[in-house]
């Protein structure tokens, strides 16, 4: 077994243990307003950070791909218009594809 597979199995075991720990948290702690607010906001922050990294980073360097920026702008506009999630994805992908077709990316 290679070191890579050992790392994969250790990570899987760690994720399973973390999930199991989450199931053993007392209900009184989960009902605390601060814990509830934290649980609501952390996924949004992580998703925003992931989107920013995927849009502006390539390996160890930063770059600005015009097609990706146009797609991100279309997604933001669709979100501000309260469009359904699928419409946001279609708008972003369509805008990025159109920008690439026009030679912007």
PDB file of N, CA and C in Angstrom:
ATOM      1  N   UNK A   1       0.846  -1.174   0.000  1.00  0.00           N
ATOM      2  CA  UNK A   1       0.000   0.000   0.000  1.00  0.00           C
ATOM      3  C   UNK A   1       0.894   1.241   0.000  1.00  0.00           C
ATOM      4  N   UNK A   2       0.593   2.164  -0.897  1.00  0.00           N
ATOM      5  CA  UNK A   2       1.423   3.362  -1.016  1.00  0.00           C
ATOM      6  C   UNK A   2       1.026   4.405   0.020  1.00  0.00           C
ATOM      7  N   UNK A   3       1.872   5.399   0.151  1.00  0.00           N
ATOM      8  CA  UNK A   3       1.609   6.486   1.104  1.00  0.00           C
ATOM      9  C   UNK A   3       0.348   7.249   0.716  1.00  0.00           C
ATOM     10  N   UNK A   4       0.073   7.332  -0.578  1.00  0.00           N
ATOM     11  CA  UNK A   4      -1.134   8.029  -1.038  1.00  0.00           C
ATOM     12  C   UNK A   4      -2.378   7.329  -0.526  1.00  0.00           C
ATOM     13  N   UNK A   5      -2.421   6.012  -0.640  1.00  0.00           N
ATOM     14  CA  UNK A   5      -3.599   5.278  -0.184  1.00  0.00           C
ATOM     15  C   UNK A   5      -3.738   5.329   1.332  1.00  0.00           C
ATOM     16  N   UNK A   6      -2.629   5.327   2.023  1.00  0.00           N
ATOM     17  CA  UNK A   6      -2.691   5.463   3.482  1.00  0.00           C
ATOM     18  C   UNK A   6      -3.276   6.823   3.842  1.00  0.00           C
ATOM     19  N   UNK A   7      -2.863   7.868   3.136  1.00  0.00           N
ATOM     20  CA  UNK A   7      -3.402   9.206   3.387  1.00  0.00           C
ATOM     21  C   UNK A   7      -4.896   9.266   3.058  1.00  0.00           C
ATOM     22  N   UNK A   8      -5.302   8.620   1.971  1.00  0.00           N
ATOM     23  CA  UNK A   8      -6.724   8.604   1.596  1.00  0.00           C
ATOM     24  C   UNK A   8      -7.546   7.886   2.659  1.00  0.00           C
ATOM     25  N   UNK A   9      -7.072   6.741   3.103  1.00  0.00           N
ATOM     26  CA  UNK A   9      -7.808   5.982   4.119  1.00  0.00           C
ATOM     27  C   UNK A   9      -7.838   6.718   5.459  1.00  0.00           C
ATOM     28  N   UNK A  10      -6.728   7.354   5.836  1.00  0.00           N
ATOM     29  CA  UNK A  10      -6.698   8.127   7.077  1.00  0.00           C
ATOM     30  C   UNK A  10      -7.656   9.310   7.005  1.00  0.00           C
ATOM     31  N   UNK A  11      -7.706   9.966   5.863  1.00  0.00           N
ATOM     32  CA  UNK A  11      -8.628  11.082   5.687  1.00  0.00           C
ATOM     33  C   UNK A  11     -10.079  10.615   5.740  1.00  0.00           C
ATOM     34  N   UNK A  12     -10.363   9.490   5.106  1.00  0.00           N
ATOM     35  CA  UNK A  12     -11.723   8.946   5.144  1.00  0.00           C
ATOM     36  C   UNK A  12     -12.124   8.585   6.571  1.00  0.00           C
ATOM     37  N   UNK A  13     -11.211   7.968   7.310  1.00  0.00           N
ATOM     38  CA  UNK A  13     -11.505   7.622   8.705  1.00  0.00           C
ATOM     39  C   UNK A  13     -11.717   8.877   9.544  1.00  0.00           C
ATOM     40  N   UNK A  14     -10.907   9.901   9.299  1.00  0.00           N
ATOM     41  CA  UNK A  14     -11.072  11.163  10.021  1.00  0.00           C
ATOM     42  C   UNK A  14     -12.399  11.831   9.719  1.00  0.00           C
ATOM     43  N   UNK A  15     -12.810  11.813   8.452  1.00  0.00           N
ATOM     44  CA  UNK A  15     -14.105  12.397   8.080  1.00  0.00           C
ATOM     45  C   UNK A  15     -15.253  11.634   8.722  1.00  0.00           C
ATOM     46  N   UNK A  16     -15.154  10.323   8.737  1.00  0.00           N
ATOM     47  CA  UNK A  16     -16.190   9.507   9.366  1.00  0.00           C
ATOM     48  C   UNK A  16     -16.265   9.795  10.863  1.00  0.00           C
ATOM     49  N   UNK A  17     -15.107   9.899  11.510  1.00  0.00           N
ATOM     50  CA  UNK A  17     -15.081  10.192  12.952  1.00  0.00           C
ATOM     51  C   UNK A  17     -15.660  11.570  13.239  1.00  0.00           C
ATOM     52  N   UNK A  18     -15.359  12.544  12.387  1.00  0.00           N
ATOM     53  CA  UNK A  18     -15.910  13.884  12.564  1.00  0.00           C
ATOM     54  C   UNK A  18     -17.427  13.878  12.397  1.00  0.00           C
ATOM     55  N   UNK A  19     -17.914  13.135  11.421  1.00  0.00           N
ATOM     56  CA  UNK A  19     -19.360  13.014  11.216  1.00  0.00           C
ATOM     57  C   UNK A  19     -20.004  12.342  12.435  1.00  0.00           C
ATOM     58  N   UNK A  20     -19.377  11.308  12.948  1.00  0.00           N
ATOM     59  CA  UNK A  20     -19.902  10.611  14.119  1.00  0.00           C
ATOM     60  C   UNK A  20     -19.901  11.524  15.339  1.00  0.00           C
ATOM     61  N   UNK A  21     -18.855  12.337  15.486  1.00  0.00           N
ATOM     62  CA  UNK A  21     -18.819  13.294  16.590  1.00  0.00           C
ATOM     63  C   UNK A  21     -19.964  14.297  16.487  1.00  0.00           C
ATOM     64  N   UNK A  22     -20.287  14.703  15.273  1.00  0.00           N
ATOM     65  CA  UNK A  22     -21.386  15.648  15.074  1.00  0.00           C
ATOM     66  C   UNK A  22     -22.723  15.086  15.504  1.00  0.00           C
ATOM     67  N   UNK A  23     -22.884  13.778  15.401  1.00  0.00           N
ATOM     68  CA  UNK A  23     -24.141  13.147  15.807  1.00  0.00           C
ATOM     69  C   UNK A  23     -24.261  13.010  17.318  1.00  0.00           C
ATOM     70  N   UNK A  24     -23.149  13.126  18.023  1.00  0.00           N
ATOM     71  CA  UNK A  24     -23.180  12.962  19.470  1.00  0.00           C
ATOM     72  C   UNK A  24     -23.257  14.291  20.223  1.00  0.00           C
ATOM     73  N   UNK A  25     -23.331  15.414  19.501  1.00  0.00           N
ATOM     74  CA  UNK A  25     -23.433  16.721  20.145  1.00  0.00           C
ATOM     75  C   UNK A  25     -24.813  16.845  20.797  1.00  0.00           C
ATOM     76  N   UNK A  26     -24.882  17.303  22.054  1.00  0.00           N
ATOM     77  CA  UNK A  26     -26.173  17.433  22.725  1.00  0.00           C
ATOM     78  C   UNK A  26     -27.093  18.429  22.010  1.00  0.00           C
ATOM     79  N   UNK A  27     -28.377  18.146  22.024  1.00  0.00           N
ATOM     80  CA  UNK A  27     -29.360  18.985  21.352  1.00  0.00           C
ATOM     81  C   UNK A  27     -29.372  20.403  21.928  1.00  0.00           C
ATOM     82  N   UNK A  28     -29.100  20.538  23.233  1.00  0.00           N
ATOM     83  CA  UNK A  28     -29.107  21.872  23.846  1.00  0.00           C
ATOM     84  C   UNK A  28     -28.028  22.770  23.239  1.00  0.00           C
ATOM     85  N   UNK A  29     -26.905  22.196  22.868  1.00  0.00           N
ATOM     86  CA  UNK A  29     -25.847  22.976  22.233  1.00  0.00           C
ATOM     87  C   UNK A  29     -26.231  23.364  20.808  1.00  0.00           C
ATOM     88  N   UNK A  30     -26.907  22.467  20.113  1.00  0.00           N
ATOM     89  CA  UNK A  30     -27.311  22.753  18.737  1.00  0.00           C
ATOM     90  C   UNK A  30     -28.397  23.813  18.667  1.00  0.00           C
ATOM     91  N   UNK A  31     -29.195  23.934  19.714  1.00  0.00           N
ATOM     92  CA  UNK A  31     -30.276  24.920  19.724  1.00  0.00           C
ATOM     93  C   UNK A  31     -29.812  26.300  20.149  1.00  0.00           C
ATOM     94  N   UNK A  32     -28.564  26.434  20.556  1.00  0.00           N
ATOM     95  CA  UNK A  32     -28.024  27.733  20.961  1.00  0.00           C
ATOM     96  C   UNK A  32     -28.018  28.663  19.744  1.00  0.00           C
ATOM     97  N   UNK A  33     -28.492  29.909  19.886  1.00  0.00           N
ATOM     98  CA  UNK A  33     -28.571  30.823  18.728  1.00  0.00           C
ATOM     99  C   UNK A  33     -27.228  31.070  18.046  1.00  0.00           C
ATOM    100  N   UNK A  34     -26.152  31.162  18.820  1.00  0.00           N
ATOM    101  CA  UNK A  34     -24.841  31.406  18.216  1.00  0.00           C
ATOM    102  C   UNK A  34     -24.390  30.209  17.372  1.00  0.00           C
ATOM    103  N   UNK A  35     -24.627  29.008  17.868  1.00  0.00           N
ATOM    104  CA  UNK A  35     -24.266  27.807  17.110  1.00  0.00           C
ATOM    105  C   UNK A  35     -25.100  27.703  15.841  1.00  0.00           C
ATOM    106  N   UNK A  36     -26.356  28.040  15.944  1.00  0.00           N
ATOM    107  CA  UNK A  36     -27.238  27.980  14.768  1.00  0.00           C
ATOM    108  C   UNK A  36     -26.799  28.996  13.718  1.00  0.00           C
ATOM    109  N   UNK A  37     -26.472  30.211  14.160  1.00  0.00           N
ATOM    110  CA  UNK A  37     -26.031  31.255  13.225  1.00  0.00           C
ATOM    111  C   UNK A  37     -24.705  30.852  12.561  1.00  0.00           C
ATOM    112  N   UNK A  38     -23.805  30.278  13.345  1.00  0.00           N
ATOM    113  CA  UNK A  38     -22.533  29.800  12.815  1.00  0.00           C
ATOM    114  C   UNK A  38     -22.772  28.739  11.744  1.00  0.00           C
ATOM    115  N   UNK A  39     -23.660  27.800  12.021  1.00  0.00           N
ATOM    116  CA  UNK A  39     -23.945  26.724  11.070  1.00  0.00           C
ATOM    117  C   UNK A  39     -24.609  27.246   9.804  1.00  0.00           C
ATOM    118  N   UNK A  40     -25.309  28.355   9.903  1.00  0.00           N
ATOM    119  CA  UNK A  40     -25.935  28.936   8.714  1.00  0.00           C
ATOM    120  C   UNK A  40     -24.929  29.689   7.847  1.00  0.00           C
ATOM    121  N   UNK A  41     -23.963  30.350   8.480  1.00  0.00           N
ATOM    122  CA  UNK A  41     -23.069  31.233   7.738  1.00  0.00           C
ATOM    123  C   UNK A  41     -21.787  30.568   7.239  1.00  0.00           C
ATOM    124  N   UNK A  42     -21.295  29.553   7.913  1.00  0.00           N
ATOM    125  CA  UNK A  42     -20.032  28.929   7.510  1.00  0.00           C
ATOM    126  C   UNK A  42     -20.101  28.316   6.106  1.00  0.00           C
ATOM    127  N   UNK A  43     -21.142  27.570   5.746  1.00  0.00           N
ATOM    128  CA  UNK A  43     -21.171  27.028   4.379  1.00  0.00           C
ATOM    129  C   UNK A  43     -21.172  28.115   3.307  1.00  0.00           C
ATOM    130  N   UNK A  44     -21.844  29.231   3.565  1.00  0.00           N
ATOM    131  CA  UNK A  44     -21.866  30.329   2.600  1.00  0.00           C
ATOM    132  C   UNK A  44     -20.461  30.914   2.434  1.00  0.00           C
ATOM    133  N   UNK A  45     -19.776  31.118   3.547  1.00  0.00           N
ATOM    134  CA  UNK A  45     -18.419  31.669   3.486  1.00  0.00           C
ATOM    135  C   UNK A  45     -17.461  30.717   2.774  1.00  0.00           C
ATOM    136  N   UNK A  46     -17.578  29.429   3.065  1.00  0.00           N
ATOM    137  CA  UNK A  46     -16.696  28.456   2.409  1.00  0.00           C
ATOM    138  C   UNK A  46     -16.966  28.373   0.906  1.00  0.00           C
ATOM    139  N   UNK A  47     -18.240  28.412   0.522  1.00  0.00           N
ATOM    140  CA  UNK A  47     -18.572  28.363  -0.902  1.00  0.00           C
ATOM    141  C   UNK A  47     -18.091  29.623  -1.609  1.00  0.00           C
ATOM    142  N   UNK A  48     -18.227  30.780  -0.971  1.00  0.00           N
ATOM    143  CA  UNK A  48     -17.735  32.022  -1.565  1.00  0.00           C
ATOM    144  C   UNK A  48     -16.215  31.983  -1.726  1.00  0.00           C
ATOM    145  N   UNK A  49     -15.526  31.462  -0.720  1.00  0.00           N
ATOM    146  CA  UNK A  49     -14.066  31.356  -0.809  1.00  0.00           C
ATOM    147  C   UNK A  49     -13.657  30.399  -1.928  1.00  0.00           C
ATOM    148  N   UNK A  50     -14.360  29.292  -2.053  1.00  0.00           N
ATOM    149  CA  UNK A  50     -14.060  28.342  -3.128  1.00  0.00           C
ATOM    150  C   UNK A  50     -14.286  28.975  -4.497  1.00  0.00           C
ATOM    151  N   UNK A  51     -15.392  29.706  -4.642  1.00  0.00           N
ATOM    152  CA  UNK A  51     -15.668  30.368  -5.915  1.00  0.00           C
ATOM    153  C   UNK A  51     -14.586  31.399  -6.237  1.00  0.00           C
ATOM    154  N   UNK A  52     -14.143  32.151  -5.236  1.00  0.00           N
ATOM    155  CA  UNK A  52     -13.098  33.157  -5.472  1.00  0.00           C
ATOM    156  C   UNK A  52     -11.785  32.497  -5.876  1.00  0.00           C
ATOM    157  N   UNK A  53     -11.420  31.428  -5.200  1.00  0.00           N
ATOM    158  CA  UNK A  53     -10.168  30.740  -5.534  1.00  0.00           C
ATOM    159  C   UNK A  53     -10.240  30.149  -6.935  1.00  0.00           C
ATOM    160  N   UNK A  54     -11.350  29.537  -7.280  1.00  0.00           N
ATOM    161  CA  UNK A  54     -11.483  28.937  -8.609  1.00  0.00           C
ATOM    162  C   UNK A  54     -11.534  29.989  -9.705  1.00  0.00           C
ATOM    163  N   UNK A  55     -11.997  31.190  -9.383  1.00  0.00           N
ATOM    164  CA  UNK A  55     -12.097  32.245 -10.387  1.00  0.00           C
ATOM    165  C   UNK A  55     -10.772  32.959 -10.588  1.00  0.00           C
ATOM    166  N   UNK A  56     -10.031  33.210  -9.510  1.00  0.00           N
ATOM    167  CA  UNK A  56      -8.858  34.074  -9.594  1.00  0.00           C
ATOM    168  C   UNK A  56      -7.516  33.370  -9.440  1.00  0.00           C
ATOM    169  N   UNK A  57      -7.488  32.077  -9.185  1.00  0.00           N
ATOM    170  CA  UNK A  57      -6.211  31.402  -8.947  1.00  0.00           C
ATOM    171  C   UNK A  57      -5.992  30.264  -9.930  1.00  0.00           C
ATOM    172  N   UNK A  58      -4.720  30.077 -10.257  1.00  0.00           N
ATOM    173  CA  UNK A  58      -4.315  28.969 -11.106  1.00  0.00           C
ATOM    174  C   UNK A  58      -2.996  28.443 -10.567  1.00  0.00           C
ATOM    175  N   UNK A  59      -3.054  27.335  -9.834  1.00  0.00           N
ATOM    176  CA  UNK A  59      -1.841  26.811  -9.219  1.00  0.00           C
ATOM    177  C   UNK A  59      -1.359  27.745  -8.135  1.00  0.00           C
ATOM    178  N   UNK A  60      -0.146  28.257  -8.301  1.00  0.00           N
ATOM    179  CA  UNK A  60       0.447  29.155  -7.310  1.00  0.00           C
ATOM    180  C   UNK A  60       0.365  30.626  -7.729  1.00  0.00           C
ATOM    181  N   UNK A  61      -0.367  30.929  -8.769  1.00  0.00           N
ATOM    182  CA  UNK A  61      -0.425  32.305  -9.247  1.00  0.00           C
ATOM    183  C   UNK A  61      -1.864  32.792  -9.359  1.00  0.00           C
ATOM    184  N   UNK A  62      -2.011  34.091  -9.365  1.00  0.00           N
ATOM    185  CA  UNK A  62      -3.317  34.717  -9.549  1.00  0.00           C
ATOM    186  C   UNK A  62      -3.459  35.162 -10.990  1.00  0.00           C
ATOM    187  N   UNK A  63      -4.622  35.017 -11.532  1.00  0.00           N
ATOM    188  CA  UNK A  63      -4.901  35.493 -12.881  1.00  0.00           C
ATOM    189  C   UNK A  63      -6.375  35.861 -12.958  1.00  0.00           C
ATOM    190  N   UNK A  64      -6.709  36.664 -13.937  1.00  0.00           N
ATOM    191  CA  UNK A  64      -8.096  37.061 -14.143  1.00  0.00           C
ATOM    192  C   UNK A  64      -8.516  36.613 -15.541  1.00  0.00           C
ATOM    193  N   UNK A  65      -9.275  35.540 -15.616  1.00  0.00           N
ATOM    194  CA  UNK A  65      -9.792  35.043 -16.885  1.00  0.00           C
ATOM    195  C   UNK A  65     -11.079  35.802 -17.188  1.00  0.00           C
ATOM    196  N   UNK A  66     -11.113  36.557 -18.283  1.00  0.00           N
ATOM    197  CA  UNK A  66     -12.304  37.369 -18.578  1.00  0.00           C
ATOM    198  C   UNK A  66     -13.589  36.544 -18.706  1.00  0.00           C
ATOM    199  N   UNK A  67     -13.504  35.348 -19.242  1.00  0.00           N
ATOM    200  CA  UNK A  67     -14.703  34.525 -19.393  1.00  0.00           C
ATOM    201  C   UNK A  67     -15.231  34.091 -18.024  1.00  0.00           C
ATOM    202  N   UNK A  68     -14.332  33.706 -17.132  1.00  0.00           N
ATOM    203  CA  UNK A  68     -14.770  33.324 -15.788  1.00  0.00           C
ATOM    204  C   UNK A  68     -15.332  34.513 -15.034  1.00  0.00           C
ATOM    205  N   UNK A  69     -14.713  35.671 -15.194  1.00  0.00           N
ATOM    206  CA  UNK A  69     -15.224  36.872 -14.538  1.00  0.00           C
ATOM    207  C   UNK A  69     -16.603  37.242 -15.063  1.00  0.00           C
ATOM    208  N   UNK A  70     -16.815  37.091 -16.359  1.00  0.00           N
ATOM    209  CA  UNK A  70     -18.130  37.372 -16.931  1.00  0.00           C
ATOM    210  C   UNK A  70     -19.170  36.391 -16.394  1.00  0.00           C
ATOM    211  N   UNK A  71     -18.793  35.118 -16.296  1.00  0.00           N
ATOM    212  CA  UNK A  71     -19.711  34.128 -15.736  1.00  0.00           C
ATOM    213  C   UNK A  71     -20.033  34.406 -14.283  1.00  0.00           C
ATOM    214  N   UNK A  72     -19.026  34.798 -13.516  1.00  0.00           N
ATOM    215  CA  UNK A  72     -19.252  35.141 -12.111  1.00  0.00           C
ATOM    216  C   UNK A  72     -20.161  36.363 -12.003  1.00  0.00           C
ATOM    217  N   UNK A  73     -19.953  37.337 -12.858  1.00  0.00           N
ATOM    218  CA  UNK A  73     -20.818  38.519 -12.859  1.00  0.00           C
ATOM    219  C   UNK A  73     -22.260  38.168 -13.193  1.00  0.00           C
ATOM    220  N   UNK A  74     -22.436  37.273 -14.160  1.00  0.00           N
ATOM    221  CA  UNK A  74     -23.788  36.838 -14.510  1.00  0.00           C
ATOM    222  C   UNK A  74     -24.439  36.091 -13.357  1.00  0.00           C
ATOM    223  N   UNK A  75     -23.658  35.285 -12.645  1.00  0.00           N
ATOM    224  CA  UNK A  75     -24.194  34.562 -11.486  1.00  0.00           C
ATOM    225  C   UNK A  75     -24.614  35.529 -10.387  1.00  0.00           C
ATOM    226  N   UNK A  76     -23.785  36.532 -10.134  1.00  0.00           N
ATOM    227  CA  UNK A  76     -24.119  37.526  -9.109  1.00  0.00           C
ATOM    228  C   UNK A  76     -25.385  38.281  -9.503  1.00  0.00           C
ATOM    229  N   UNK A  77     -25.484  38.664 -10.767  1.00  0.00           N
ATOM    230  CA  UNK A  77     -26.685  39.372 -11.233  1.00  0.00           C
ATOM    231  C   UNK A  77     -27.931  38.499 -11.085  1.00  0.00           C
ATOM    232  N   UNK A  78     -27.805  37.226 -11.421  1.00  0.00           N
ATOM    233  CA  UNK A  78     -28.947  36.316 -11.294  1.00  0.00           C
ATOM    234  C   UNK A  78     -29.327  36.120  -9.832  1.00  0.00           C
ATOM    235  N   UNK A  79     -28.330  36.040  -8.960  1.00  0.00           N
ATOM    236  CA  UNK A  79     -28.617  35.902  -7.533  1.00  0.00           C
ATOM    237  C   UNK A  79     -29.296  37.144  -6.984  1.00  0.00           C
ATOM    238  N   UNK A  80     -28.837  38.323  -7.406  1.00  0.00           N
ATOM    239  CA  UNK A  80     -29.466  39.561  -6.957  1.00  0.00           C
ATOM    240  C   UNK A  80     -30.902  39.682  -7.467  1.00  0.00           C
ATOM    241  N   UNK A  81     -31.173  39.048  -8.618  1.00  0.00           N
ATOM    242  CA  UNK A  81     -32.528  39.041  -9.166  1.00  0.00           C
ATOM    243  C   UNK A  81     -33.390  37.941  -8.539  1.00  0.00           C
ATOM    244  N   UNK A  82     -32.812  37.232  -7.558  1.00  0.00           N
ATOM    245  CA  UNK A  82     -33.516  36.145  -6.852  1.00  0.00           C
ATOM    246  C   UNK A  82     -33.931  35.014  -7.791  1.00  0.00           C
ATOM    247  N   UNK A  83     -33.076  34.729  -8.768  1.00  0.00           N
ATOM    248  CA  UNK A  83     -33.349  33.628  -9.697  1.00  0.00           C
ATOM    249  C   UNK A  83     -33.143  32.295  -8.976  1.00  0.00           C
ATOM    250  N   UNK A  84     -33.828  31.241  -9.423  1.00  0.00           N
ATOM    251  CA  UNK A  84     -33.597  29.912  -8.843  1.00  0.00           C
ATOM    252  C   UNK A  84     -32.158  29.459  -9.094  1.00  0.00           C
ATOM    253  N   UNK A  85     -31.684  28.553  -8.247  1.00  0.00           N
ATOM    254  CA  UNK A  85     -30.294  28.117  -8.315  1.00  0.00           C
ATOM    255  C   UNK A  85     -29.931  27.578  -9.696  1.00  0.00           C
ATOM    256  N   UNK A  86     -30.801  26.777 -10.288  1.00  0.00           N
ATOM    257  CA  UNK A  86     -30.505  26.227 -11.610  1.00  0.00           C
ATOM    258  C   UNK A  86     -30.370  27.342 -12.644  1.00  0.00           C
ATOM    259  N   UNK A  87     -31.182  28.375 -12.544  1.00  0.00           N
ATOM    260  CA  UNK A  87     -31.082  29.501 -13.478  1.00  0.00           C
ATOM    261  C   UNK A  87     -29.767  30.250 -13.277  1.00  0.00           C
ATOM    262  N   UNK A  88     -29.304  30.344 -12.046  1.00  0.00           N
ATOM    263  CA  UNK A  88     -28.020  30.997 -11.760  1.00  0.00           C
ATOM    264  C   UNK A  88     -26.890  30.225 -12.437  1.00  0.00           C
ATOM    265  N   UNK A  89     -26.922  28.906 -12.300  1.00  0.00           N
ATOM    266  CA  UNK A  89     -25.880  28.066 -12.907  1.00  0.00           C
ATOM    267  C   UNK A  89     -25.909  28.181 -14.427  1.00  0.00           C
ATOM    268  N   UNK A  90     -27.098  28.121 -15.006  1.00  0.00           N
ATOM    269  CA  UNK A  90     -27.232  28.214 -16.463  1.00  0.00           C
ATOM    270  C   UNK A  90     -26.765  29.584 -16.956  1.00  0.00           C
ATOM    271  N   UNK A  91     -27.118  30.638 -16.232  1.00  0.00           N
ATOM    272  CA  UNK A  91     -26.692  31.985 -16.632  1.00  0.00           C
ATOM    273  C   UNK A  91     -25.173  32.115 -16.584  1.00  0.00           C
ATOM    274  N   UNK A  92     -24.569  31.615 -15.519  1.00  0.00           N
ATOM    275  CA  UNK A  92     -23.115  31.708 -15.387  1.00  0.00           C
ATOM    276  C   UNK A  92     -22.405  30.886 -16.457  1.00  0.00           C
ATOM    277  N   UNK A  93     -22.848  29.654 -16.649  1.00  0.00           N
ATOM    278  CA  UNK A  93     -22.211  28.787 -17.646  1.00  0.00           C
ATOM    279  C   UNK A  93     -22.421  29.324 -19.051  1.00  0.00           C
ATOM    280  N   UNK A  94     -23.630  29.787 -19.340  1.00  0.00           N
ATOM    281  CA  UNK A  94     -23.920  30.334 -20.669  1.00  0.00           C
ATOM    282  C   UNK A  94     -23.109  31.584 -20.971  1.00  0.00           C
ATOM    283  N   UNK A  95     -22.993  32.450 -19.986  1.00  0.00           N
ATOM    284  CA  UNK A  95     -22.222  33.679 -20.166  1.00  0.00           C
ATOM    285  C   UNK A  95     -20.741  33.361 -20.366  1.00  0.00           C
ATOM    286  N   UNK A  96     -20.210  32.453 -19.559  1.00  0.00           N
ATOM    287  CA  UNK A  96     -18.800  32.080 -19.715  1.00  0.00           C
ATOM    288  C   UNK A  96     -18.558  31.420 -21.069  1.00  0.00           C
ATOM    289  N   UNK A  97     -19.474  30.563 -21.493  1.00  0.00           N
ATOM    290  CA  UNK A  97     -19.323  29.901 -22.793  1.00  0.00           C
ATOM    291  C   UNK A  97     -19.401  30.922 -23.943  1.00  0.00           C
ATOM    292  N   UNK A  98     -20.331  31.865 -23.827  1.00  0.00           N
ATOM    293  CA  UNK A  98     -20.451  32.896 -24.874  1.00  0.00           C
ATOM    294  C   UNK A  98     -19.198  33.770 -24.917  1.00  0.00           C
ATOM    295  N   UNK A  99     -18.665  34.091 -23.762  1.00  0.00           N
ATOM    296  CA  UNK A  99     -17.447  34.904 -23.723  1.00  0.00           C
ATOM    297  C   UNK A  99     -16.276  34.157 -24.341  1.00  0.00           C
ATOM    298  N   UNK A 100     -16.187  32.854 -24.067  1.00  0.00           N
ATOM    299  CA  UNK A 100     -15.109  32.055 -24.681  1.00  0.00           C
ATOM    300  C   UNK A 100     -15.307  31.945 -26.189  1.00  0.00           C
ATOM    301  N   UNK A 101     -16.572  31.819 -26.616  1.00  0.00           N
ATOM    302  CA  UNK A 101     -16.852  31.733 -28.052  1.00  0.00           C
ATOM    303  C   UNK A 101     -16.474  33.033 -28.775  1.00  0.00           C
ATOM    304  N   UNK A 102     -16.586  34.146 -28.047  1.00  0.00           N
ATOM    305  CA  UNK A 102     -16.220  35.433 -28.620  1.00  0.00           C
ATOM    306  C   UNK A 102     -14.718  35.695 -28.518  1.00  0.00           C
ATOM    307  N   UNK A 103     -13.994  34.751 -27.936  1.00  0.00           N
ATOM    308  CA  UNK A 103     -12.535  34.878 -27.859  1.00  0.00           C
ATOM    309  C   UNK A 103     -12.035  35.626 -26.638  1.00  0.00           C
ATOM    310  N   UNK A 104     -12.862  35.773 -25.607  1.00  0.00           N
ATOM    311  CA  UNK A 104     -12.435  36.507 -24.420  1.00  0.00           C
ATOM    312  C   UNK A 104     -11.688  35.648 -23.431  1.00  0.00           C
ATOM    313  N   UNK A 105     -11.694  34.335 -23.584  1.00  0.00           N
ATOM    314  CA  UNK A 105     -11.065  33.503 -22.565  1.00  0.00           C
ATOM    315  C   UNK A 105     -10.023  32.656 -23.048  1.00  0.00           C
TER     316      UNK A 105
END
